[in-house]
N, C-alpha and C. Protein backbone atom coordinates (compact mmCIF):
# COMPACT_ATOMS: atom_id res chain seq x y z
N UNK A 1 -13.45 -7.84 -10.72
CA UNK A 1 -12.08 -8.22 -10.19
C UNK A 1 -11.10 -6.87 -10.46
N UNK A 2 -11.50 -6.24 -11.55
CA UNK A 2 -10.62 -5.02 -12.23
C UNK A 2 -10.63 -3.98 -11.08
N UNK A 3 -11.91 -3.51 -10.51
CA UNK A 3 -12.27 -2.64 -9.60
C UNK A 3 -11.63 -2.99 -8.38
N UNK A 4 -11.47 -4.37 -7.71
CA UNK A 4 -10.81 -4.38 -6.84
C UNK A 4 -9.32 -4.18 -6.79
N UNK A 5 -8.82 -4.54 -7.95
CA UNK A 5 -7.22 -4.34 -8.35
C UNK A 5 -7.13 -2.92 -8.38
N UNK A 6 -8.05 -1.93 -8.80
CA UNK A 6 -7.77 -0.57 -9.23
C UNK A 6 -7.74 0.15 -7.67
N UNK A 7 -8.40 -0.34 -6.75
CA UNK A 7 -8.81 0.06 -5.38
C UNK A 7 -7.58 -0.34 -4.59
N UNK A 8 -7.05 -1.59 -4.84
CA UNK A 8 -5.72 -1.90 -4.09
C UNK A 8 -4.65 -1.18 -4.79
N UNK A 9 -4.38 -0.97 -5.92
CA UNK A 9 -3.57 0.06 -6.79
C UNK A 9 -3.19 1.28 -6.09
N UNK A 10 -4.50 1.80 -5.93
CA UNK A 10 -4.62 3.20 -5.04
C UNK A 10 -4.10 3.00 -3.77
N UNK A 11 -4.66 2.21 -3.29
CA UNK A 11 -4.05 1.99 -1.74
C UNK A 11 -2.77 1.89 -1.66
N UNK A 12 -2.33 0.97 -2.45
CA UNK A 12 -0.48 0.57 -2.02
C UNK A 12 0.11 2.03 -2.66
N UNK A 13 -0.55 2.67 -3.74
CA UNK A 13 0.44 4.05 -4.17
C UNK A 13 0.16 4.97 -3.32
N UNK A 14 -0.96 5.15 -2.74
CA UNK A 14 -1.23 5.87 -1.30
C UNK A 14 -0.09 5.66 -0.19
N UNK A 15 -0.08 4.43 0.11
CA UNK A 15 0.70 4.03 1.21
C UNK A 15 2.58 4.13 0.76
N UNK A 16 2.52 4.64 -0.41
CA UNK A 16 4.04 4.56 -0.96
C UNK A 16 4.44 3.08 -0.77
N UNK A 17 4.32 2.06 -1.03
CA UNK A 17 4.46 0.91 -0.94
C UNK A 17 4.57 0.19 -2.28
N UNK A 18 3.67 -0.18 -2.99
CA UNK A 18 3.50 -1.30 -4.26
C UNK A 18 2.64 -0.29 -5.14
N UNK A 19 2.97 -0.67 -6.47
CA UNK A 19 1.89 -0.27 -7.63
C UNK A 19 1.00 -0.85 -8.03
N UNK A 20 1.00 -2.06 -7.41
CA UNK A 20 0.10 -3.05 -7.85
C UNK A 20 0.35 -3.75 -8.82
N UNK A 21 0.07 -5.14 -8.84
CA UNK A 21 -0.01 -5.84 -10.06
C UNK A 21 -1.20 -6.74 -10.37
N UNK A 22 -1.52 -6.96 -11.54
CA UNK A 22 -2.84 -7.76 -11.77
C UNK A 22 -2.81 -9.11 -10.85
N UNK A 23 -3.72 -9.46 -10.53
CA UNK A 23 -4.00 -10.56 -9.60
C UNK A 23 -3.98 -11.85 -10.76
N UNK A 24 -3.41 -12.76 -10.44
CA UNK A 24 -3.47 -14.04 -11.36
C UNK A 24 -4.43 -14.91 -11.02
N UNK A 25 -5.16 -15.38 -11.99
CA UNK A 25 -6.55 -16.07 -11.94
C UNK A 25 -6.09 -17.29 -10.86
N UNK A 26 -7.02 -18.05 -9.94
CA UNK A 26 -6.58 -19.11 -9.43
C UNK A 26 -7.26 -19.85 -10.25
N UNK A 27 -5.97 -21.00 -10.23
CA UNK A 27 -6.21 -22.22 -11.10
C UNK A 27 -6.40 -23.64 -10.41
N UNK A 28 -6.45 -23.61 -9.06
CA UNK A 28 -6.68 -24.63 -8.08
C UNK A 28 -7.39 -24.36 -7.09
N UNK A 29 -8.03 -25.62 -6.65
CA UNK A 29 -8.61 -25.20 -5.51
C UNK A 29 -8.26 -26.84 -4.81
N UNK A 30 -8.11 -26.69 -3.57
CA UNK A 30 -7.70 -27.96 -2.46
C UNK A 30 -8.93 -28.70 -2.11
N UNK A 31 -8.94 -30.08 -2.21
CA UNK A 31 -9.96 -30.42 -1.69
C UNK A 31 -9.76 -31.91 -1.09
N UNK A 32 -9.66 -32.07 0.25
CA UNK A 32 -9.13 -33.27 1.07
C UNK A 32 -7.70 -33.36 0.69
N UNK A 33 -7.19 -32.16 0.41
CA UNK A 33 -5.18 -33.02 0.18
C UNK A 33 -5.18 -32.62 -1.18
N UNK A 34 -6.09 -32.97 -2.08
CA UNK A 34 -5.60 -32.87 -3.51
C UNK A 34 -5.98 -31.86 -4.14
N UNK A 35 -5.22 -31.64 -5.28
CA UNK A 35 -5.32 -30.40 -6.10
C UNK A 35 -6.00 -30.91 -7.42
N UNK A 36 -6.93 -30.01 -7.74
CA UNK A 36 -8.38 -30.02 -8.61
C UNK A 36 -8.36 -28.77 -9.43
N UNK A 37 -7.96 -29.05 -10.62
CA UNK A 37 -8.05 -28.09 -11.36
C UNK A 37 -9.20 -27.53 -11.64
N UNK A 38 -9.27 -26.24 -11.51
CA UNK A 38 -10.87 -25.73 -11.77
C UNK A 38 -10.89 -24.52 -13.16
N UNK A 39 -11.59 -25.25 -14.10
CA UNK A 39 -11.57 -24.99 -15.39
C UNK A 39 -12.54 -23.55 -15.52
N UNK A 40 -12.22 -23.01 -16.74
CA UNK A 40 -13.14 -21.72 -17.07
C UNK A 40 -14.45 -22.03 -17.29
N UNK A 41 -14.59 -23.20 -17.34
CA UNK A 41 -16.13 -23.38 -17.95
C UNK A 41 -17.09 -24.02 -16.89
N UNK A 42 -16.50 -23.87 -15.50
CA UNK A 42 -17.09 -24.36 -14.40
C UNK A 42 -18.31 -23.54 -14.45
N UNK A 43 -19.64 -24.48 -14.11
CA UNK A 43 -20.91 -23.33 -13.90
C UNK A 43 -20.88 -23.35 -12.38
N UNK A 44 -21.41 -21.94 -11.98
CA UNK A 44 -21.49 -21.65 -10.67
C UNK A 44 -23.01 -21.55 -10.28
N UNK A 45 -23.20 -22.06 -9.16
CA UNK A 45 -24.76 -21.84 -8.90
C UNK A 45 -24.99 -20.28 -8.68
N UNK A 46 -26.23 -19.95 -8.51
CA UNK A 46 -26.43 -18.66 -8.11
C UNK A 46 -25.88 -18.23 -6.85
N UNK A 47 -26.00 -19.10 -5.88
CA UNK A 47 -25.38 -19.26 -4.27
C UNK A 47 -23.92 -18.65 -4.31
N UNK A 48 -23.45 -19.39 -5.19
CA UNK A 48 -22.13 -19.32 -5.33
C UNK A 48 -21.42 -18.04 -5.96
N UNK A 49 -22.18 -17.57 -6.82
CA UNK A 49 -21.93 -16.09 -7.46
C UNK A 49 -22.50 -15.22 -6.45
N UNK A 50 -23.71 -15.36 -5.75
CA UNK A 50 -23.94 -14.46 -5.14
C UNK A 50 -22.95 -14.16 -3.90
N UNK A 51 -22.23 -15.02 -3.36
CA UNK A 51 -21.23 -15.40 -2.04
C UNK A 51 -20.02 -14.67 -2.69
N UNK A 52 -19.69 -14.60 -4.14
CA UNK A 52 -18.60 -14.26 -4.58
C UNK A 52 -18.69 -12.64 -4.54
N UNK A 53 -19.64 -12.45 -5.33
CA UNK A 53 -20.03 -10.85 -5.16
C UNK A 53 -20.25 -10.02 -3.94
N UNK A 54 -20.79 -10.74 -3.07
CA UNK A 54 -20.97 -10.25 -1.94
C UNK A 54 -19.17 -10.20 -1.29
N UNK A 55 -18.36 -11.23 -1.04
CA UNK A 55 -17.01 -11.08 -0.96
C UNK A 55 -16.37 -9.55 -1.56
N UNK A 56 -16.42 -9.89 -2.92
CA UNK A 56 -15.94 -8.78 -3.70
C UNK A 56 -16.13 -7.28 -3.30
N UNK A 57 -17.79 -7.40 -3.01
CA UNK A 57 -17.88 -5.96 -2.46
C UNK A 57 -17.68 -5.73 -1.02
N UNK A 58 -17.30 -6.76 0.07
CA UNK A 58 -16.90 -6.37 1.07
C UNK A 58 -15.21 -6.05 0.90
N UNK A 59 -14.89 -7.05 0.48
CA UNK A 59 -13.47 -6.45 -0.22
C UNK A 59 -13.22 -4.96 -0.52
N UNK A 60 -13.78 -4.86 -1.53
CA UNK A 60 -13.88 -3.58 -2.47
C UNK A 60 -14.16 -2.32 -1.50
N UNK A 61 -14.97 -2.51 -0.45
CA UNK A 61 -15.26 -1.59 0.34
C UNK A 61 -14.19 -1.36 1.56
N UNK A 62 -13.65 -2.07 2.05
CA UNK A 62 -13.07 -2.27 2.86
C UNK A 62 -11.67 -1.44 2.34
N UNK A 63 -10.88 -1.81 1.03
CA UNK A 63 -9.93 -1.19 0.45
C UNK A 63 -10.34 0.24 0.16
N UNK A 64 -11.36 0.79 0.07
CA UNK A 64 -11.78 1.92 -0.55
C UNK A 64 -11.90 2.70 1.12
N UNK A 65 -12.13 1.88 1.91
CA UNK A 65 -12.34 2.68 3.43
C UNK A 65 -10.87 3.22 3.71
N UNK A 66 -9.81 2.07 3.43
CA UNK A 66 -8.55 2.56 3.76
C UNK A 66 -7.94 3.60 2.57
N UNK A 67 -8.26 3.65 1.49
CA UNK A 67 -8.09 4.80 0.48
C UNK A 67 -8.84 6.05 1.20
N UNK A 68 -9.91 6.02 1.73
CA UNK A 68 -10.44 7.34 2.60
C UNK A 68 -9.69 7.77 3.68
N UNK A 69 -9.31 6.81 4.50
CA UNK A 69 -8.69 7.02 5.61
C UNK A 69 -6.95 7.78 5.10
N UNK A 70 -6.21 7.16 4.09
CA UNK A 70 -5.08 7.93 3.94
C UNK A 70 -5.31 9.24 3.19
N UNK A 71 -6.43 9.40 2.23
CA UNK A 71 -6.61 10.51 1.58
C UNK A 71 -7.18 11.53 3.26
N UNK A 72 -7.81 11.27 4.20
CA UNK A 72 -7.92 12.02 5.35
C UNK A 72 -6.67 12.68 6.30
N UNK A 73 -5.80 11.24 6.12
CA UNK A 73 -4.65 12.06 6.58
C UNK A 73 -3.90 12.82 6.01
N UNK A 74 -3.70 12.71 4.64
CA UNK A 74 -2.74 13.41 3.69
C UNK A 74 -3.37 14.75 3.71
N UNK A 75 -4.67 14.88 4.14
CA UNK A 75 -5.33 16.35 3.91
C UNK A 75 -5.69 16.80 4.93
N UNK A 76 -5.15 16.23 5.97
CA UNK A 76 -5.69 16.88 7.43
C UNK A 76 -4.87 18.17 7.92
N UNK A 77 -5.36 19.48 7.99
CA UNK A 77 -4.62 20.36 8.18
C UNK A 77 -3.63 20.23 9.67
N UNK A 78 -3.90 19.27 10.47
CA UNK A 78 -2.85 19.18 11.39
C UNK A 78 -1.93 18.39 11.17
N UNK A 79 -2.00 17.82 9.67
CA UNK A 79 -0.99 17.12 9.35
C UNK A 79 -0.01 18.06 8.00
N UNK A 80 -0.25 19.44 8.08
CA UNK A 80 0.28 20.12 7.02
C UNK A 80 1.69 20.29 7.52
N UNK A 81 2.42 20.48 8.52
CA UNK A 81 3.88 20.46 8.87
C UNK A 81 4.70 19.55 8.42
N UNK A 82 4.16 18.15 7.82
CA UNK A 82 4.74 17.02 7.13
C UNK A 82 4.72 17.27 5.74
N UNK A 83 3.54 17.53 5.22
CA UNK A 83 2.83 17.42 4.02
C UNK A 83 3.15 18.86 3.32
N UNK A 84 3.81 19.46 4.00
CA UNK A 84 4.01 21.12 3.46
C UNK A 84 5.81 20.54 2.54
N UNK A 85 6.27 19.39 3.18
CA UNK A 85 7.77 19.13 2.63
C UNK A 85 7.92 18.04 1.88
N UNK A 86 6.75 17.15 1.76
CA UNK A 86 6.59 16.07 1.16
C UNK A 86 5.26 15.78 0.94
N UNK A 87 5.19 15.14 -0.41
CA UNK A 87 3.62 14.96 -0.85
C UNK A 87 3.50 13.67 -0.66
N UNK A 88 1.88 13.48 -0.49
CA UNK A 88 1.23 12.33 -0.01
C UNK A 88 1.58 11.29 -1.01
N UNK A 89 1.87 11.13 -1.97
CA UNK A 89 2.30 10.27 -2.69
C UNK A 89 3.67 10.94 -3.59
N UNK A 90 4.41 9.98 -3.77
CA UNK A 90 5.81 10.17 -4.25
C UNK A 90 5.60 10.40 -5.75
N UNK A 91 4.49 9.88 -6.21
CA UNK A 91 4.53 10.57 -7.78
C UNK A 91 4.35 12.06 -7.75
N UNK A 92 3.69 12.60 -6.68
CA UNK A 92 3.50 13.99 -6.55
C UNK A 92 4.61 15.18 -6.10
N UNK A 93 5.92 14.41 -6.62
CA UNK A 93 7.11 15.07 -6.10
C UNK A 93 7.70 16.22 -6.90
N UNK A 94 7.81 17.30 -6.45
CA UNK A 94 8.08 18.41 -7.39
C UNK A 94 9.61 19.00 -7.39
N UNK A 95 10.04 19.65 -8.04
CA UNK A 95 11.76 19.97 -8.25
C UNK A 95 11.84 20.73 -6.62
N UNK A 96 10.75 21.55 -5.76
CA UNK A 96 10.99 22.15 -4.99
C UNK A 96 11.38 21.05 -3.86
N UNK A 97 10.41 20.05 -3.42
CA UNK A 97 10.79 18.73 -2.73
C UNK A 97 11.68 18.28 -2.96
N UNK A 98 12.33 18.10 -4.01
CA UNK A 98 13.86 17.34 -4.34
C UNK A 98 15.00 18.64 -4.01
N UNK A 99 14.53 19.72 -3.79
CA UNK A 99 15.75 20.87 -3.45
C UNK A 99 15.68 21.27 -2.23
N UNK A 100 14.89 20.73 -1.39
CA UNK A 100 14.79 21.53 -0.02
C UNK A 100 15.79 20.92 0.73
N UNK A 101 16.73 21.79 1.46
CA UNK A 101 17.99 21.51 1.90
C UNK A 101 17.40 21.62 3.43
N UNK A 102 16.68 21.75 3.72
CA UNK A 102 16.01 22.15 5.27
C UNK A 102 16.05 20.69 5.80
N UNK A 103 16.19 20.87 7.33
CA UNK A 103 15.91 19.39 7.95
C UNK A 103 14.67 19.60 8.89
N UNK A 104 14.31 18.80 9.33
CA UNK A 104 13.03 18.43 10.28
C UNK A 104 13.08 19.34 11.27
N UNK A 105 11.93 20.30 11.53
CA UNK A 105 11.71 21.01 12.63
C UNK A 105 11.09 19.91 13.79
N UNK A 106 11.29 20.45 15.27
CA UNK A 106 10.41 19.89 16.17
C UNK A 106 8.89 19.70 15.97
N UNK A 107 8.28 20.68 15.47
CA UNK A 107 6.71 20.62 14.99
C UNK A 107 6.53 19.52 13.88
N UNK A 108 7.51 19.47 13.03
CA UNK A 108 7.20 18.41 11.60
C UNK A 108 7.34 17.41 12.32
N UNK A 109 8.35 17.10 13.05
CA UNK A 109 8.77 15.96 13.78
C UNK A 109 7.72 15.27 14.54
N UNK A 110 6.90 15.89 15.47
CA UNK A 110 5.75 15.32 16.14
C UNK A 110 4.58 15.01 15.27
N UNK A 111 4.63 16.01 14.15
CA UNK A 111 3.65 15.69 12.99
C UNK A 111 3.75 14.18 12.16
N UNK A 112 5.31 14.11 12.12
CA UNK A 112 5.43 13.16 11.15
C UNK A 112 5.50 11.75 11.89
N UNK A 113 5.71 11.59 13.56
CA UNK A 113 5.97 10.61 13.84
C UNK A 113 4.25 9.96 14.08
N UNK A 114 3.28 11.07 14.20
CA UNK A 114 1.75 10.53 14.32
C UNK A 114 1.35 10.23 12.66
N UNK A 115 1.83 10.66 11.72
CA UNK A 115 1.49 10.51 10.51
C UNK A 115 2.42 8.67 10.22
N UNK A 116 3.51 8.65 10.36
CA UNK A 116 3.94 7.62 10.36
C UNK A 116 3.46 6.14 10.88
N UNK A 117 2.75 6.64 12.28
CA UNK A 117 2.21 5.84 12.97
C UNK A 117 0.92 5.22 12.53
N UNK A 118 0.02 6.46 12.06
CA UNK A 118 -1.48 5.92 11.23
C UNK A 118 -1.24 5.32 9.95
N UNK A 119 0.06 5.75 9.25
CA UNK A 119 -0.02 5.07 7.70
C UNK A 119 0.55 3.45 8.09
N UNK A 120 1.28 3.43 8.92
CA UNK A 120 1.66 1.90 9.23
C UNK A 120 0.51 1.15 9.78
N UNK A 121 -0.17 1.50 10.51
CA UNK A 121 -1.47 0.76 11.03
C UNK A 121 -2.40 0.64 9.75
N UNK A 122 -2.52 1.61 8.69
CA UNK A 122 -3.22 1.35 7.73
C UNK A 122 -2.42 0.28 6.61
N UNK A 123 -1.18 0.22 6.64
CA UNK A 123 -0.39 -0.64 5.84
C UNK A 123 -0.80 -2.10 6.62
N UNK A 124 -0.71 -2.06 7.76
CA UNK A 124 -0.71 -3.47 8.39
C UNK A 124 -2.24 -3.88 8.07
N UNK A 125 -3.22 -3.04 8.35
CA UNK A 125 -4.64 -3.54 8.21
C UNK A 125 -5.02 -3.74 6.70
N UNK A 126 -4.38 -3.09 5.24
CA UNK A 126 -4.52 -3.63 4.10
C UNK A 126 -3.63 -4.69 4.35
N UNK A 127 -2.35 -5.23 4.36
CA UNK A 127 -1.70 -6.53 4.29
C UNK A 127 -2.35 -7.59 5.09
N UNK A 128 -3.25 -7.68 6.23
CA UNK A 128 -4.17 -8.46 6.57
C UNK A 128 -5.28 -8.71 5.95
N UNK A 129 -5.59 -7.77 5.39
CA UNK A 129 -7.07 -7.49 4.18
C UNK A 129 -6.30 -8.71 3.10
N UNK A 130 -5.39 -8.22 2.66
CA UNK A 130 -4.92 -8.95 1.05
C UNK A 130 -4.67 -10.53 1.75
N UNK A 131 -4.15 -10.93 2.79
CA UNK A 131 -3.55 -12.16 3.26
C UNK A 131 -5.16 -12.85 3.55
N UNK A 132 -5.98 -12.39 3.94
CA UNK A 132 -7.14 -12.81 4.32
C UNK A 132 -8.37 -13.09 3.21
N UNK A 133 -7.70 -12.50 2.09
CA UNK A 133 -8.37 -12.46 0.80
C UNK A 133 -8.46 -13.95 0.39
N UNK A 134 -7.10 -14.81 0.63
CA UNK A 134 -6.90 -16.04 0.15
C UNK A 134 -6.69 -15.95 -1.36
N UNK A 135 -6.27 -14.86 -1.68
CA UNK A 135 -5.74 -14.74 -3.03
C UNK A 135 -4.25 -14.98 -2.89
N UNK A 136 -4.13 -15.85 -4.00
CA UNK A 136 -1.84 -15.77 -3.86
C UNK A 136 -1.27 -14.97 -4.32
N UNK A 137 -1.62 -14.10 -5.16
CA UNK A 137 -0.93 -13.03 -5.64
C UNK A 137 -1.06 -11.98 -4.66
N UNK A 138 -2.16 -11.39 -3.99
CA UNK A 138 -2.39 -10.70 -2.68
C UNK A 138 -1.65 -11.10 -1.88
N UNK A 139 -1.74 -12.26 -1.55
CA UNK A 139 -0.87 -12.90 -0.48
C UNK A 139 0.51 -12.55 -0.58
N UNK A 140 1.35 -12.78 -1.70
CA UNK A 140 2.38 -12.67 -1.85
C UNK A 140 3.08 -11.14 -2.24
N UNK A 141 2.02 -10.13 -2.77
CA UNK A 141 2.23 -8.84 -2.48
C UNK A 141 2.20 -8.08 -0.91
N UNK A 142 1.54 -8.67 -0.10
CA UNK A 142 1.55 -8.69 1.10
C UNK A 142 2.91 -8.68 2.06
N UNK A 143 3.13 -9.96 1.73
CA UNK A 143 4.12 -10.34 2.21
C UNK A 143 5.71 -9.75 1.58
N UNK A 144 5.66 -9.39 0.42
CA UNK A 144 6.55 -8.87 -0.17
C UNK A 144 6.82 -6.99 0.61
N UNK A 145 5.53 -6.76 0.69
CA UNK A 145 5.53 -5.48 1.22
C UNK A 145 6.26 -5.29 2.59
N UNK A 146 5.89 -6.68 3.81
CA UNK A 146 6.03 -6.59 4.96
C UNK A 146 7.57 -7.01 5.07
N UNK A 147 8.09 -8.06 4.26
CA UNK A 147 9.42 -8.04 4.30
C UNK A 147 10.30 -7.38 3.72
N UNK A 148 10.21 -6.72 2.50
CA UNK A 148 11.21 -6.24 1.84
C UNK A 148 10.73 -4.57 1.83
N UNK A 149 9.69 -4.31 1.75
CA UNK A 149 9.49 -2.50 1.40
C UNK A 149 9.41 -1.82 3.03
N UNK A 150 8.60 -2.37 3.96
CA UNK A 150 8.66 -1.83 5.23
C UNK A 150 9.64 -1.41 5.91
N UNK A 151 10.85 -2.43 5.79
CA UNK A 151 12.29 -2.14 6.34
C UNK A 151 12.84 -0.85 5.75
N UNK A 152 12.67 -0.61 4.46
CA UNK A 152 13.30 0.42 4.04
C UNK A 152 12.79 1.54 4.68
N UNK A 153 11.32 1.51 4.33
CA UNK A 153 10.42 2.62 4.78
C UNK A 153 10.93 3.19 6.04
N UNK A 154 10.67 2.03 7.01
CA UNK A 154 11.14 2.27 8.57
C UNK A 154 12.40 3.08 8.51
N UNK A 155 13.46 2.69 8.02
CA UNK A 155 14.95 3.08 8.22
C UNK A 155 14.89 4.50 7.51
N UNK A 156 14.22 4.79 6.68
CA UNK A 156 13.97 6.05 6.04
C UNK A 156 13.58 7.33 6.84
N UNK A 157 12.33 6.84 7.42
CA UNK A 157 11.63 7.58 8.38
C UNK A 157 12.55 7.98 9.69
N UNK A 158 12.79 6.94 10.23
CA UNK A 158 13.92 6.93 11.56
C UNK A 158 15.28 8.09 11.00
N UNK A 159 15.63 7.99 9.59
CA UNK A 159 16.75 9.21 9.49
C UNK A 159 16.16 10.26 9.51
N UNK A 160 15.19 10.67 8.79
CA UNK A 160 14.39 11.84 9.11
C UNK A 160 14.30 12.33 10.24
N UNK A 161 13.35 11.46 11.11
CA UNK A 161 13.09 12.01 12.75
C UNK A 161 13.99 12.54 13.27
N UNK A 162 15.18 11.53 13.12
CA UNK A 162 16.65 11.95 13.86
C UNK A 162 17.42 13.24 13.40
N UNK A 163 16.79 13.76 12.22
CA UNK A 163 17.47 14.83 11.48
C UNK A 163 18.77 14.65 10.80
N UNK A 164 19.17 13.62 10.40
CA UNK A 164 20.28 12.70 9.78
C UNK A 164 19.97 13.23 8.10
N UNK A 165 18.61 13.48 7.65
CA UNK A 165 18.82 13.94 6.55
C UNK A 165 18.17 15.18 6.10
N UNK A 166 18.11 15.72 5.00
CA UNK A 166 17.39 16.97 4.68
C UNK A 166 16.11 16.53 4.02
N UNK A 167 15.32 17.14 4.05
CA UNK A 167 13.83 17.08 3.26
C UNK A 167 14.08 16.50 1.86
N UNK A 168 15.02 17.05 1.06
CA UNK A 168 15.47 16.63 -0.24
C UNK A 168 15.83 15.25 -0.29
N UNK A 169 16.83 14.89 0.71
CA UNK A 169 17.52 13.80 0.72
C UNK A 169 16.12 12.46 0.97
N UNK A 170 15.44 12.90 2.12
CA UNK A 170 14.24 12.10 2.07
C UNK A 170 13.37 11.98 0.97
N UNK A 171 13.48 13.00 0.19
CA UNK A 171 12.13 13.14 -0.90
C UNK A 171 13.01 12.01 -1.90
N UNK A 172 14.07 12.16 -2.04
CA UNK A 172 14.48 11.50 -3.13
C UNK A 172 14.78 10.25 -2.86
N UNK A 173 15.03 9.64 -1.45
CA UNK A 173 14.81 8.16 -0.95
C UNK A 173 13.40 7.83 -1.07
N UNK A 174 12.60 8.41 -0.66
CA UNK A 174 11.08 8.05 -0.81
C UNK A 174 10.61 7.87 -2.19
N UNK A 175 11.27 8.55 -3.58
CA UNK A 175 11.20 8.03 -4.87
C UNK A 175 11.75 6.67 -5.00
N UNK A 176 12.91 6.54 -4.61
CA UNK A 176 13.72 5.45 -4.78
C UNK A 176 12.92 4.23 -4.52
N UNK A 177 12.99 4.29 -3.01
CA UNK A 177 11.88 3.02 -2.69
C UNK A 177 10.30 3.13 -3.28
N UNK A 178 10.11 4.02 -3.49
CA UNK A 178 8.62 3.78 -4.14
C UNK A 178 9.06 3.08 -5.88
N UNK A 179 10.07 3.45 -6.51
CA UNK A 179 10.30 3.02 -7.44
C UNK A 179 10.93 1.77 -7.54
N UNK A 180 11.53 1.35 -6.45
CA UNK A 180 12.20 -0.14 -6.52
C UNK A 180 10.77 -1.06 -5.89
N UNK A 181 10.14 -0.68 -5.30
CA UNK A 181 8.90 -1.60 -4.89
C UNK A 181 7.86 -1.70 -6.09
N UNK A 182 7.68 -0.80 -6.73
CA UNK A 182 6.96 -1.04 -8.29
C UNK A 182 7.73 -2.17 -9.03
N UNK A 183 8.92 -1.74 -9.39
CA UNK A 183 9.60 -2.74 -10.12
C UNK A 183 9.90 -4.43 -9.51
N UNK A 184 10.16 -4.09 -8.20
CA UNK A 184 10.69 -5.16 -7.42
C UNK A 184 9.56 -6.07 -7.01
N UNK A 185 8.14 -5.59 -7.08
CA UNK A 185 7.18 -6.48 -6.54
C UNK A 185 7.36 -7.78 -6.89
N UNK A 186 6.79 -8.86 -6.36
CA UNK A 186 6.49 -10.12 -6.84
C UNK A 186 5.87 -10.22 -8.09
N UNK A 187 6.46 -10.99 -9.33
CA UNK A 187 5.65 -11.47 -10.26
C UNK A 187 4.44 -12.13 -10.41
N UNK A 188 3.89 -12.21 -11.03
CA UNK A 188 2.35 -12.65 -11.48
C UNK A 188 2.83 -14.44 -11.09
């Protein structure tokens, strides 16, 4: 469970969305419309444990693939005009990033548009994965990301692409969105 959450946390940090929260254990099961308490002493059959392990491994691999895809975007030489002005992760922001008074160039704009589209697709893939997990906390995080964080990121990206803000303003705003998404994420 912890490795799945670690991978999830890395994915969201890389996506500049959420820092991740611990997953609340499931306490109920629905059976024919009635709630039934699942106790910690429930004994799982070998087949149940195998299925759960297989599901976790599949989930972990899919999250790990998203992380690899993000890393590839961030390190691609083709994306250098964008990542030379802003770090892959907001946590990597430097004073130079926060003081850069220049505006986006046409070349960086083309690259940024491609980067934004790629990251948006990965965000959507990650949220779909979280929702399909059936885990109530992951579903809550995915919805929070889509409804609360994405609109802020889209507005920020649009301002940068239009040249309405400097790189310093963009980078400070990225940090603000990142910090707000970490502290404003739905509680367990």
